[in-house]
Amino acid sequence: MRVKRVRIGIKSFKEILQDLVKTGKAIERGESVKKHVGVYFEDTEAFRKALTSKRLELLRLIKKQHPKTMRHLSRLAGRDMKNVKQDIEILQNLGLVSTRKEKTGRKEVSPSVDYDAIELMIAV
């Protein structure tokens, strides 16, 4: 089984700009550039605010339990629906959760996680 990973890293704004310049120069030289997909935070504090333990638990629940609705996820987590919905929106904005609206019934939203692991990289 192939494991799909999401890369999460800590990079300063300066490092991100340097990476962009380096990539731009490689493209100008006609070199092929390997695509790196990930979520980067400016510092560990921003990382901690975005990926709280409760949000990480939601990711685990979605991956293991495959809830069909947000209400089902809320019950699995033992949390208020409003708070779960806010956390899912944040995780979705980070690209860590995708949602799909069901076409029948009450137009419920179904969350999903399409990767198996998160790699955390911190430059020293």
Protein backbone atom coordinates (compact mmCIF):
# COMPACT_ATOMS: atom_id res chain seq x y z
CA MET A 1 0.00 0.00 0.00
CA ARG A 2 1.36 3.38 -0.97
CA VAL A 3 1.26 5.98 1.79
CA LYS A 4 0.24 9.47 0.72
CA ARG A 5 1.77 12.20 2.85
CA VAL A 6 1.09 15.89 3.37
CA ARG A 7 4.14 18.01 4.12
CA ILE A 8 3.83 20.67 6.79
CA GLY A 9 6.74 22.94 7.45
CA ILE A 10 7.94 26.01 9.26
CA LYS A 11 9.55 28.59 6.97
CA SER A 12 10.10 32.28 7.38
CA PHE A 13 8.74 34.63 4.76
CA LYS A 14 12.34 35.24 3.65
CA GLU A 15 12.90 31.50 3.09
CA ILE A 16 9.71 31.24 1.05
CA LEU A 17 10.82 34.14 -1.17
CA GLN A 18 14.26 32.55 -1.61
CA ASP A 19 12.60 29.29 -2.71
CA LEU A 20 10.47 31.21 -5.23
CA VAL A 21 13.51 32.98 -6.68
CA LYS A 22 15.43 29.70 -6.91
CA THR A 23 12.50 28.03 -8.70
CA GLY A 24 12.09 30.98 -11.06
CA LYS A 25 15.79 30.86 -12.03
CA ALA A 26 15.60 27.11 -12.64
CA ILE A 27 12.60 27.61 -14.94
CA GLU A 28 14.43 30.38 -16.83
CA ARG A 29 17.34 27.97 -17.42
CA GLY A 30 14.86 25.47 -18.86
CA GLU A 31 15.28 22.98 -16.04
CA SER A 32 12.38 20.86 -14.93
CA VAL A 33 11.17 21.77 -11.47
CA LYS A 34 9.84 19.18 -9.07
CA LYS A 35 6.47 20.12 -7.63
CA HIS A 36 6.46 20.37 -3.83
CA VAL A 37 3.03 20.55 -2.25
CA GLY A 38 2.65 21.45 1.37
CA VAL A 39 1.41 23.79 4.03
CA TYR A 40 3.95 26.15 5.56
CA PHE A 41 3.74 28.32 8.67
CA GLU A 42 5.95 31.27 9.52
CA ASP A 43 6.75 30.02 13.02
CA THR A 44 5.89 27.27 15.48
CA GLU A 45 3.34 29.47 17.25
CA ALA A 46 1.32 29.85 14.04
CA PHE A 47 1.58 26.09 13.54
CA ARG A 48 0.29 25.39 17.06
CA LYS A 49 -2.63 27.79 16.62
CA ALA A 50 -3.67 26.18 13.34
CA LEU A 51 -3.15 22.51 14.15
CA THR A 52 -4.49 22.15 17.66
CA SER A 53 -4.86 18.76 19.31
CA LYS A 54 -8.64 18.89 18.75
CA ARG A 55 -8.19 19.54 15.03
CA LEU A 56 -5.65 16.73 14.74
CA GLU A 57 -8.15 14.46 16.48
CA LEU A 58 -10.79 15.43 13.90
CA LEU A 59 -8.36 14.44 11.13
CA ARG A 60 -7.85 11.04 12.78
CA LEU A 61 -11.59 10.50 13.24
CA ILE A 62 -12.33 11.39 9.63
CA LYS A 63 -9.58 9.07 8.36
CA LYS A 64 -10.55 6.10 10.54
CA GLN A 65 -14.34 6.42 10.93
CA HIS A 66 -15.32 7.98 7.56
CA PRO A 67 -18.25 10.01 8.93
CA LYS A 68 -20.93 10.67 6.33
CA THR A 69 -22.01 14.01 7.81
CA MET A 70 -20.63 16.80 9.97
CA ARG A 71 -23.25 15.88 12.57
CA HIS A 72 -21.89 12.33 12.66
CA LEU A 73 -18.34 13.69 13.06
CA SER A 74 -19.52 15.94 15.88
CA ARG A 75 -21.03 12.95 17.71
CA LEU A 76 -17.87 10.87 17.18
CA ALA A 77 -15.74 13.70 18.59
CA GLY A 78 -18.12 14.41 21.48
CA ARG A 79 -18.02 18.09 20.55
CA ASP A 80 -20.45 20.85 19.74
CA MET A 81 -21.45 20.94 16.06
CA LYS A 82 -20.63 24.65 15.70
CA ASN A 83 -17.06 24.17 16.98
CA VAL A 84 -16.49 21.12 14.79
CA LYS A 85 -17.74 23.03 11.74
CA GLN A 86 -15.35 25.94 12.48
CA ASP A 87 -12.41 23.56 12.88
CA ILE A 88 -13.26 21.74 9.65
CA GLU A 89 -13.41 25.07 7.78
CA ILE A 90 -9.92 25.94 9.06
CA LEU A 91 -8.57 22.50 8.11
CA GLN A 92 -10.23 22.81 4.71
CA ASN A 93 -8.60 26.23 4.13
CA LEU A 94 -5.24 24.63 4.93
CA GLY A 95 -5.94 21.90 2.37
CA LEU A 96 -5.98 19.14 4.99
CA VAL A 97 -9.68 18.23 4.68
CA SER A 98 -11.94 18.12 1.68
CA THR A 99 -15.71 18.23 1.87
CA ARG A 100 -18.41 17.06 -0.47
CA LYS A 101 -22.05 18.11 -0.40
CA GLU A 102 -24.47 15.24 -0.69
CA LYS A 103 -26.96 15.73 -3.50
CA THR A 104 -29.90 14.08 -1.80
CA GLY A 105 -31.77 14.74 1.39
CA ARG A 106 -30.73 17.60 3.63
CA LYS A 107 -27.68 18.61 1.59
CA GLU A 108 -25.33 17.31 4.27
CA VAL A 109 -21.58 17.90 4.03
CA SER A 110 -19.31 14.87 4.09
CA PRO A 111 -15.67 15.47 5.23
CA SER A 112 -12.76 13.38 3.95
CA VAL A 113 -9.02 13.03 4.42
CA ASP A 114 -7.19 11.62 1.39
CA TYR A 115 -3.73 11.07 2.84
CA ASP A 116 -2.25 8.67 5.37
CA ALA A 117 0.37 10.73 7.17
CA ILE A 118 1.47 14.27 7.91
CA GLU A 119 5.20 15.02 7.74
CA LEU A 120 6.34 17.93 9.89
CA MET A 121 9.55 19.61 8.81
CA ILE A 122 11.24 22.30 10.88
CA ALA A 123 14.41 23.89 9.57
CA VAL A 124 17.13 24.47 12.15
